[in-house]
Structures are given as structure tokens and as C-alpha cells.
């Protein structure tokens, strides 16, 4: 089940982010901060409900046992930071390993529905990177949701 997130969901969302970090290719060279994660998620919930640059939404996927198995923190921002029109994107899109397969798609649908409800939003952009899982799996999910590839991302580790 997908629903709006509540402040009471923040501890479970922080644990999802911590688990994602443990599984990530940054686990050995970066330090996860639960307090920073709580702060970002709390700020995200504080900006829910707006329909302007900087507004957010936060949804959670809840399994049949009532446990949170996914979180989506979406953001509205100006297209390319300089346009009048806006785009929606995900700040966090994390689903627990072994979660119900419909959870990830449901969170994406929630982001789409939210973005479609805001006048001036022209595009939804989401990235698929290899930090936590094989980006190709995520890309296939996006394609099943009628998204198209619009570029690539390159990274370089600092010296």
C-alpha cells in the first residue's frame, strides 16, 4: 500500500536509508549520518503541500505487516534552475531489498500523480545510478512507466 508519509514514519525511513548505504558502493568510504537523514526527511515533510519551487511530497510503501518497505521524497524545482516552468524529481527513492514488487512502481506512480496535479510542472525526471543496486533494473522499471532515457550520468571519485 502506498500512502502519504507521516512524521512517525521518519525512523523507519532513516533505517531504509541506512540499509541502502550499507549496501551501496559508498559504504566503505562514507559515513552515514542518521541525524542528517532525519533532518532531510523532516525538512521534506515540512515542505509537503506546496505547489511551487522547493515544494515536496513524501510517500511510503507499507507491506501487509504494516512495515515501511519503501520511501519516495519528491521535489518540485525550476527546470534547469533558470526556467519559469518546473519539473518534479526524486530526492530519495529507496525500496527495501525483497520488498513487494509493486512497491517501487507504486511509489513512482505516486510521484507522477503528484507532479501531474501541479500547474507548471512540465516534466518528471528521475535518475538510475549504481550506488545501491544495478541501475539497469531501475531503468527497466522507468521504461515500464513510459519514461524515456534522456542522458547519462558519469562520476569520478575524488583523488
N, C-alpha and C. Protein backbone atom coordinates (compact mmCIF):
# COMPACT_ATOMS: atom_id res chain seq x y z
N UNK A 1 0.84 -1.17 0.00
CA UNK A 1 0.00 0.00 0.00
C UNK A 1 0.89 1.24 0.00
N UNK A 2 0.53 2.21 -0.80
CA UNK A 2 1.26 3.48 -0.85
C UNK A 2 0.40 4.52 -0.13
N UNK A 3 1.04 5.30 0.74
CA UNK A 3 0.32 6.36 1.45
C UNK A 3 1.25 7.54 1.69
N UNK A 4 0.64 8.67 2.05
CA UNK A 4 1.44 9.83 2.43
C UNK A 4 2.25 9.49 3.67
N UNK A 5 3.46 9.97 3.73
CA UNK A 5 4.31 9.75 4.90
C UNK A 5 3.87 10.66 6.04
N UNK A 6 4.17 10.21 7.25
CA UNK A 6 3.90 10.97 8.47
C UNK A 6 5.22 11.12 9.22
N UNK A 7 5.24 12.06 10.16
CA UNK A 7 6.44 12.24 10.97
C UNK A 7 6.82 10.94 11.69
N UNK A 8 5.83 10.16 12.08
CA UNK A 8 6.10 8.90 12.77
C UNK A 8 6.82 7.89 11.88
N UNK A 9 6.81 8.11 10.56
CA UNK A 9 7.48 7.21 9.63
C UNK A 9 8.98 7.51 9.48
N UNK A 10 9.42 8.62 10.01
CA UNK A 10 10.81 9.04 9.80
C UNK A 10 11.81 8.01 10.32
N UNK A 11 11.65 7.44 11.53
CA UNK A 11 12.65 6.44 11.96
C UNK A 11 12.77 5.26 11.00
N UNK A 12 11.66 4.76 10.49
CA UNK A 12 11.72 3.64 9.54
C UNK A 12 12.37 4.09 8.23
N UNK A 13 12.08 5.31 7.78
CA UNK A 13 12.69 5.82 6.56
C UNK A 13 14.19 6.00 6.74
N UNK A 14 14.61 6.46 7.91
CA UNK A 14 16.05 6.59 8.19
C UNK A 14 16.70 5.21 8.13
N UNK A 15 16.04 4.19 8.68
CA UNK A 15 16.61 2.83 8.62
C UNK A 15 16.70 2.32 7.19
N UNK A 16 15.71 2.66 6.34
CA UNK A 16 15.79 2.28 4.93
C UNK A 16 17.01 2.93 4.27
N UNK A 17 17.23 4.21 4.57
CA UNK A 17 18.39 4.91 4.01
C UNK A 17 19.69 4.32 4.54
N UNK A 18 19.72 3.97 5.83
CA UNK A 18 20.92 3.36 6.41
C UNK A 18 21.20 2.01 5.76
N UNK A 19 20.16 1.22 5.54
CA UNK A 19 20.33 -0.07 4.88
C UNK A 19 20.83 0.12 3.45
N UNK A 20 20.28 1.10 2.74
CA UNK A 20 20.74 1.37 1.37
C UNK A 20 22.21 1.77 1.38
N UNK A 21 22.60 2.59 2.36
CA UNK A 21 24.01 2.98 2.45
C UNK A 21 24.90 1.77 2.71
N UNK A 22 24.47 0.89 3.60
CA UNK A 22 25.27 -0.32 3.90
C UNK A 22 25.47 -1.17 2.64
N UNK A 23 24.48 -1.19 1.76
CA UNK A 23 24.57 -2.00 0.54
C UNK A 23 25.23 -1.24 -0.61
N UNK A 24 25.51 0.04 -0.41
CA UNK A 24 25.98 0.88 -1.51
C UNK A 24 27.48 0.71 -1.77
N UNK A 25 27.89 1.21 -2.92
CA UNK A 25 29.32 1.20 -3.23
C UNK A 25 30.05 2.35 -2.52
N UNK A 26 29.36 3.06 -1.65
CA UNK A 26 29.98 4.11 -0.83
C UNK A 26 30.09 3.69 0.64
N UNK A 27 29.70 2.47 0.96
CA UNK A 27 29.68 2.03 2.35
C UNK A 27 31.06 2.10 3.00
N UNK A 28 32.12 1.85 2.24
CA UNK A 28 33.45 1.81 2.81
C UNK A 28 34.16 3.16 2.83
N UNK A 29 33.64 4.15 2.10
CA UNK A 29 34.35 5.42 2.03
C UNK A 29 33.50 6.63 2.43
N UNK A 30 32.33 6.38 3.02
CA UNK A 30 31.50 7.48 3.52
C UNK A 30 30.78 7.01 4.78
N UNK A 31 30.41 7.97 5.60
CA UNK A 31 29.80 7.68 6.88
C UNK A 31 28.34 8.12 6.86
N UNK A 32 27.43 7.18 7.00
CA UNK A 32 26.01 7.50 7.06
C UNK A 32 25.72 8.24 8.36
N UNK A 33 24.93 9.30 8.28
CA UNK A 33 24.58 10.09 9.45
C UNK A 33 23.07 10.01 9.69
N UNK A 34 22.64 9.24 10.68
CA UNK A 34 21.21 9.17 10.98
C UNK A 34 20.61 10.54 11.29
N UNK A 35 21.37 11.39 11.97
CA UNK A 35 20.83 12.72 12.30
C UNK A 35 20.63 13.57 11.05
N UNK A 36 21.56 13.47 10.09
CA UNK A 36 21.38 14.21 8.84
C UNK A 36 20.19 13.64 8.06
N UNK A 37 20.06 12.33 8.04
CA UNK A 37 18.94 11.70 7.35
C UNK A 37 17.62 12.16 7.96
N UNK A 38 17.53 12.16 9.29
CA UNK A 38 16.31 12.64 9.97
C UNK A 38 16.02 14.09 9.60
N UNK A 39 17.06 14.90 9.59
CA UNK A 39 16.87 16.33 9.27
C UNK A 39 16.34 16.51 7.85
N UNK A 40 16.92 15.81 6.88
CA UNK A 40 16.49 15.94 5.49
C UNK A 40 15.05 15.46 5.33
N UNK A 41 14.72 14.32 5.93
CA UNK A 41 13.35 13.80 5.83
C UNK A 41 12.35 14.71 6.54
N UNK A 42 12.74 15.24 7.70
CA UNK A 42 11.85 16.17 8.43
C UNK A 42 11.62 17.43 7.61
N UNK A 43 12.68 17.99 7.03
CA UNK A 43 12.52 19.17 6.18
C UNK A 43 11.65 18.86 4.98
N UNK A 44 11.81 17.67 4.43
CA UNK A 44 10.97 17.26 3.31
C UNK A 44 9.50 17.24 3.70
N UNK A 45 9.18 16.70 4.86
CA UNK A 45 7.79 16.68 5.31
C UNK A 45 7.26 18.08 5.61
N UNK A 46 8.12 18.96 6.06
CA UNK A 46 7.69 20.32 6.37
C UNK A 46 7.30 21.10 5.13
N UNK A 47 7.80 20.70 3.96
CA UNK A 47 7.51 21.43 2.71
C UNK A 47 6.43 20.75 1.87
N UNK A 48 5.81 19.70 2.42
CA UNK A 48 4.75 18.99 1.71
C UNK A 48 3.53 19.90 1.56
N UNK A 49 2.92 19.82 0.40
CA UNK A 49 1.65 20.53 0.20
C UNK A 49 1.74 21.76 -0.67
N UNK A 50 2.94 22.28 -0.89
CA UNK A 50 3.08 23.44 -1.74
C UNK A 50 2.97 23.07 -3.21
N UNK A 51 2.87 24.07 -4.02
CA UNK A 51 2.77 23.86 -5.47
C UNK A 51 3.74 24.81 -6.18
N UNK A 52 4.93 24.96 -5.61
CA UNK A 52 5.90 25.91 -6.13
C UNK A 52 7.31 25.36 -5.98
N UNK A 53 8.26 26.08 -6.52
CA UNK A 53 9.67 25.69 -6.44
C UNK A 53 10.05 25.38 -5.00
N UNK A 54 10.59 24.21 -4.77
CA UNK A 54 11.01 23.81 -3.43
C UNK A 54 9.97 23.00 -2.67
N UNK A 55 8.77 22.85 -3.22
CA UNK A 55 7.75 22.03 -2.57
C UNK A 55 8.12 20.56 -2.67
N UNK A 56 7.66 19.79 -1.73
CA UNK A 56 7.98 18.37 -1.69
C UNK A 56 6.72 17.53 -1.51
N UNK A 57 6.91 16.24 -1.69
CA UNK A 57 5.94 15.23 -1.31
C UNK A 57 6.73 14.06 -0.76
N UNK A 58 6.10 13.31 0.12
CA UNK A 58 6.78 12.13 0.65
C UNK A 58 5.74 11.03 0.82
N UNK A 59 6.00 9.91 0.15
CA UNK A 59 5.15 8.74 0.24
C UNK A 59 5.95 7.58 0.79
N UNK A 60 5.24 6.64 1.40
CA UNK A 60 5.86 5.41 1.85
C UNK A 60 5.09 4.22 1.29
N UNK A 61 5.80 3.13 1.08
CA UNK A 61 5.19 1.85 0.72
C UNK A 61 5.15 1.02 2.00
N UNK A 62 3.97 0.51 2.31
CA UNK A 62 3.77 -0.25 3.55
C UNK A 62 3.34 -1.67 3.18
N UNK A 63 4.00 -2.67 3.77
CA UNK A 63 3.64 -4.05 3.46
C UNK A 63 2.46 -4.51 4.31
N UNK A 64 2.03 -5.75 4.11
CA UNK A 64 0.84 -6.27 4.80
C UNK A 64 1.02 -6.35 6.31
N UNK A 65 2.27 -6.40 6.77
CA UNK A 65 2.55 -6.42 8.22
C UNK A 65 2.60 -5.03 8.82
N UNK A 66 2.42 -4.00 7.98
CA UNK A 66 2.46 -2.63 8.45
C UNK A 66 3.85 -2.02 8.48
N UNK A 67 4.84 -2.74 7.95
CA UNK A 67 6.21 -2.23 7.94
C UNK A 67 6.46 -1.40 6.69
N UNK A 68 7.21 -0.34 6.87
CA UNK A 68 7.56 0.52 5.74
C UNK A 68 8.69 -0.16 4.97
N UNK A 69 8.47 -0.36 3.67
CA UNK A 69 9.47 -1.03 2.85
C UNK A 69 9.94 -0.16 1.69
N UNK A 70 9.47 1.07 1.64
CA UNK A 70 9.93 1.98 0.61
C UNK A 70 9.58 3.42 0.95
N UNK A 71 10.37 4.33 0.42
CA UNK A 71 10.11 5.76 0.64
C UNK A 71 10.45 6.52 -0.63
N UNK A 72 9.64 7.51 -0.92
CA UNK A 72 9.86 8.41 -2.06
C UNK A 72 9.72 9.84 -1.53
N UNK A 73 10.81 10.59 -1.63
CA UNK A 73 10.77 12.02 -1.32
C UNK A 73 10.96 12.74 -2.64
N UNK A 74 9.89 13.39 -3.09
CA UNK A 74 9.91 14.09 -4.36
C UNK A 74 10.04 15.59 -4.16
N UNK A 75 10.49 16.26 -5.18
CA UNK A 75 10.79 17.69 -5.11
C UNK A 75 10.34 18.37 -6.39
N UNK A 76 9.77 19.56 -6.25
CA UNK A 76 9.47 20.41 -7.40
C UNK A 76 10.56 21.47 -7.47
N UNK A 77 11.11 21.65 -8.65
CA UNK A 77 12.14 22.68 -8.84
C UNK A 77 12.00 23.29 -10.22
N UNK A 78 12.60 24.44 -10.41
CA UNK A 78 12.58 25.08 -11.72
C UNK A 78 13.36 24.22 -12.71
N UNK A 79 12.83 24.10 -13.92
CA UNK A 79 13.55 23.34 -14.93
C UNK A 79 14.91 23.99 -15.15
N UNK A 80 15.94 23.17 -15.03
CA UNK A 80 17.33 23.62 -15.22
C UNK A 80 17.67 24.82 -14.34
N UNK A 81 16.90 25.01 -13.28
CA UNK A 81 17.10 26.06 -12.27
C UNK A 81 16.87 27.47 -12.78
N UNK A 82 16.60 27.66 -14.05
CA UNK A 82 16.50 29.03 -14.59
C UNK A 82 15.22 29.28 -15.38
N UNK A 83 14.34 28.30 -15.46
CA UNK A 83 13.12 28.46 -16.25
C UNK A 83 11.92 28.79 -15.36
N UNK A 84 10.92 29.39 -15.95
CA UNK A 84 9.66 29.63 -15.24
C UNK A 84 8.96 28.30 -14.95
N UNK A 85 9.03 27.38 -15.92
CA UNK A 85 8.37 26.09 -15.78
C UNK A 85 9.13 25.24 -14.77
N UNK A 86 8.43 24.21 -14.28
CA UNK A 86 9.03 23.38 -13.24
C UNK A 86 9.07 21.92 -13.65
N UNK A 87 9.87 21.18 -12.90
CA UNK A 87 9.98 19.74 -13.08
C UNK A 87 9.88 19.09 -11.70
N UNK A 88 9.50 17.84 -11.71
CA UNK A 88 9.50 17.05 -10.48
C UNK A 88 10.63 16.05 -10.58
N UNK A 89 11.23 15.76 -9.45
CA UNK A 89 12.29 14.77 -9.41
C UNK A 89 12.26 14.08 -8.05
N UNK A 90 13.04 13.03 -7.91
CA UNK A 90 13.12 12.34 -6.64
C UNK A 90 14.40 12.73 -5.92
N UNK A 91 14.27 13.06 -4.65
CA UNK A 91 15.45 13.27 -3.83
C UNK A 91 15.89 11.94 -3.23
N UNK A 92 14.90 11.14 -2.79
CA UNK A 92 15.15 9.78 -2.33
C UNK A 92 14.08 8.88 -2.94
N UNK A 93 14.51 7.75 -3.44
CA UNK A 93 13.61 6.70 -3.91
C UNK A 93 14.29 5.40 -3.52
N UNK A 94 13.88 4.84 -2.39
CA UNK A 94 14.52 3.66 -1.83
C UNK A 94 13.44 2.62 -1.54
N UNK A 95 13.69 1.40 -1.96
CA UNK A 95 12.81 0.28 -1.64
C UNK A 95 13.68 -0.83 -1.05
N UNK A 96 13.22 -1.36 0.06
CA UNK A 96 13.97 -2.41 0.75
C UNK A 96 14.16 -3.63 -0.16
N UNK A 97 15.32 -4.24 -0.06
CA UNK A 97 15.58 -5.47 -0.80
C UNK A 97 14.54 -6.52 -0.39
N UNK A 98 13.93 -7.18 -1.36
CA UNK A 98 12.92 -8.19 -1.07
C UNK A 98 11.52 -7.64 -0.85
N UNK A 99 11.34 -6.35 -1.09
CA UNK A 99 10.02 -5.74 -0.92
C UNK A 99 9.04 -6.26 -1.97
N UNK A 100 7.77 -6.08 -1.71
CA UNK A 100 6.74 -6.42 -2.68
C UNK A 100 7.08 -5.72 -3.99
N UNK A 101 7.08 -6.47 -5.10
CA UNK A 101 7.46 -5.87 -6.39
C UNK A 101 6.61 -4.65 -6.80
N UNK A 102 5.40 -4.57 -6.29
CA UNK A 102 4.55 -3.42 -6.66
C UNK A 102 4.90 -2.15 -5.90
N UNK A 103 5.72 -2.25 -4.86
CA UNK A 103 6.03 -1.07 -4.05
C UNK A 103 6.78 -0.01 -4.84
N UNK A 104 7.81 -0.41 -5.58
CA UNK A 104 8.60 0.56 -6.34
C UNK A 104 7.74 1.26 -7.38
N UNK A 105 6.98 0.49 -8.14
CA UNK A 105 6.11 1.08 -9.15
C UNK A 105 5.04 1.97 -8.54
N UNK A 106 4.52 1.58 -7.39
CA UNK A 106 3.51 2.39 -6.71
C UNK A 106 4.06 3.73 -6.25
N UNK A 107 5.31 3.73 -5.78
CA UNK A 107 5.92 4.99 -5.37
C UNK A 107 6.15 5.91 -6.58
N UNK A 108 6.55 5.33 -7.70
CA UNK A 108 6.73 6.14 -8.91
C UNK A 108 5.39 6.71 -9.36
N UNK A 109 4.35 5.88 -9.34
CA UNK A 109 3.01 6.37 -9.71
C UNK A 109 2.57 7.51 -8.80
N UNK A 110 2.88 7.42 -7.52
CA UNK A 110 2.53 8.49 -6.58
C UNK A 110 3.25 9.79 -6.96
N UNK A 111 4.54 9.68 -7.33
CA UNK A 111 5.28 10.86 -7.77
C UNK A 111 4.64 11.45 -9.03
N UNK A 112 4.30 10.60 -9.99
CA UNK A 112 3.67 11.07 -11.23
C UNK A 112 2.35 11.78 -10.93
N UNK A 113 1.51 11.16 -10.09
CA UNK A 113 0.21 11.77 -9.78
C UNK A 113 0.38 13.12 -9.11
N UNK A 114 1.33 13.20 -8.20
CA UNK A 114 1.60 14.47 -7.52
C UNK A 114 2.07 15.52 -8.51
N UNK A 115 3.03 15.17 -9.34
CA UNK A 115 3.56 16.12 -10.33
C UNK A 115 2.47 16.58 -11.29
N UNK A 116 1.62 15.64 -11.73
CA UNK A 116 0.55 15.98 -12.65
C UNK A 116 -0.48 16.93 -12.03
N UNK A 117 -0.55 16.97 -10.72
CA UNK A 117 -1.53 17.83 -10.04
C UNK A 117 -1.05 19.27 -9.88
N UNK A 118 0.19 19.54 -10.25
CA UNK A 118 0.76 20.87 -10.03
C UNK A 118 0.92 21.60 -11.35
N UNK A 119 0.22 22.71 -11.48
CA UNK A 119 0.31 23.52 -12.69
C UNK A 119 1.74 24.03 -12.86
N UNK A 120 2.22 23.96 -14.08
CA UNK A 120 3.56 24.46 -14.36
C UNK A 120 4.62 23.38 -14.38
N UNK A 121 4.29 22.18 -13.90
CA UNK A 121 5.25 21.08 -13.96
C UNK A 121 5.18 20.47 -15.35
N UNK A 122 6.29 20.54 -16.07
CA UNK A 122 6.35 20.09 -17.45
C UNK A 122 6.98 18.72 -17.63
N UNK A 123 7.69 18.26 -16.61
CA UNK A 123 8.45 17.03 -16.78
C UNK A 123 8.72 16.39 -15.43
N UNK A 124 8.81 15.07 -15.43
CA UNK A 124 9.31 14.33 -14.27
C UNK A 124 10.62 13.71 -14.69
N UNK A 125 11.67 13.97 -13.91
CA UNK A 125 12.98 13.41 -14.20
C UNK A 125 13.44 12.59 -13.00
N UNK A 126 13.90 11.39 -13.29
CA UNK A 126 14.41 10.50 -12.25
C UNK A 126 15.69 9.86 -12.77
N UNK A 127 16.64 9.70 -11.89
CA UNK A 127 17.90 9.08 -12.27
C UNK A 127 17.95 7.63 -11.85
N UNK A 128 18.76 6.88 -12.55
CA UNK A 128 19.03 5.49 -12.20
C UNK A 128 20.54 5.35 -12.12
N UNK A 129 21.06 5.18 -10.91
CA UNK A 129 22.50 5.08 -10.72
C UNK A 129 22.85 3.77 -10.04
N UNK A 130 24.13 3.46 -10.00
CA UNK A 130 24.56 2.17 -9.46
C UNK A 130 25.03 2.25 -8.01
N UNK A 131 24.66 3.28 -7.28
CA UNK A 131 25.15 3.43 -5.91
C UNK A 131 24.68 2.28 -5.02
N UNK A 132 23.44 1.84 -5.17
CA UNK A 132 22.91 0.80 -4.29
C UNK A 132 22.61 -0.50 -5.02
N UNK A 133 22.12 -0.40 -6.23
CA UNK A 133 21.73 -1.60 -6.97
C UNK A 133 22.09 -1.42 -8.44
N UNK A 134 21.89 -2.42 -9.20
CA UNK A 134 22.16 -2.35 -10.63
C UNK A 134 21.20 -1.33 -11.26
N UNK A 135 21.74 -0.28 -11.80
CA UNK A 135 20.90 0.79 -12.35
C UNK A 135 20.03 0.29 -13.50
N UNK A 136 20.43 -0.79 -14.14
CA UNK A 136 19.65 -1.30 -15.28
C UNK A 136 18.27 -1.80 -14.83
N UNK A 137 18.20 -2.38 -13.63
CA UNK A 137 16.89 -2.81 -13.10
C UNK A 137 15.98 -1.62 -12.91
N UNK A 138 16.52 -0.56 -12.34
CA UNK A 138 15.74 0.65 -12.13
C UNK A 138 15.34 1.26 -13.47
N UNK A 139 16.26 1.29 -14.42
CA UNK A 139 15.96 1.85 -15.74
C UNK A 139 14.84 1.08 -16.42
N UNK A 140 14.84 -0.24 -16.29
CA UNK A 140 13.75 -1.03 -16.87
C UNK A 140 12.41 -0.68 -16.23
N UNK A 141 12.41 -0.47 -14.93
CA UNK A 141 11.17 -0.05 -14.25
C UNK A 141 10.70 1.29 -14.80
N UNK A 142 11.61 2.25 -14.95
CA UNK A 142 11.24 3.56 -15.50
C UNK A 142 10.66 3.40 -16.91
N UNK A 143 11.28 2.54 -17.71
CA UNK A 143 10.77 2.33 -19.07
C UNK A 143 9.37 1.73 -19.04
N UNK A 144 9.12 0.82 -18.10
CA UNK A 144 7.77 0.25 -17.98
C UNK A 144 6.76 1.32 -17.56
N UNK A 145 7.25 2.38 -16.96
CA UNK A 145 6.39 3.51 -16.55
C UNK A 145 6.35 4.60 -17.62
N UNK A 146 6.76 4.25 -18.84
CA UNK A 146 6.73 5.14 -20.01
C UNK A 146 7.68 6.33 -19.90
N UNK A 147 8.74 6.17 -19.14
CA UNK A 147 9.79 7.19 -19.13
C UNK A 147 10.79 6.84 -20.23
N UNK A 148 11.47 7.84 -20.74
CA UNK A 148 12.48 7.64 -21.77
C UNK A 148 13.83 8.13 -21.26
N UNK A 149 14.88 7.47 -21.72
CA UNK A 149 16.22 7.88 -21.33
C UNK A 149 16.52 9.24 -21.93
N UNK A 150 17.05 10.14 -21.11
CA UNK A 150 17.33 11.49 -21.60
C UNK A 150 18.75 11.93 -21.26
N UNK A 151 19.67 10.99 -21.19
CA UNK A 151 21.05 11.33 -20.92
C UNK A 151 21.74 10.21 -20.17
N UNK A 152 22.90 10.50 -19.66
CA UNK A 152 23.66 9.56 -18.84
C UNK A 152 24.34 10.35 -17.72
N UNK A 153 24.78 9.65 -16.72
CA UNK A 153 25.48 10.28 -15.61
C UNK A 153 26.86 9.65 -15.52
N UNK A 154 27.88 10.47 -15.39
CA UNK A 154 29.24 9.99 -15.17
C UNK A 154 29.70 10.47 -13.80
N UNK A 155 30.56 9.71 -13.20
CA UNK A 155 31.11 10.13 -11.90
C UNK A 155 32.60 9.87 -11.88
N UNK A 156 33.25 10.56 -10.99
CA UNK A 156 34.69 10.39 -10.78
C UNK A 156 34.95 10.50 -9.30
N UNK A 157 35.59 9.52 -8.73
CA UNK A 157 35.94 9.56 -7.31
C UNK A 157 37.03 10.60 -7.11
N UNK A 158 36.92 11.35 -6.05
CA UNK A 158 37.93 12.36 -5.73
C UNK A 158 39.27 11.69 -5.46
N UNK A 159 40.32 12.39 -5.83
CA UNK A 159 41.68 11.85 -5.65
C UNK A 159 42.07 11.87 -4.17
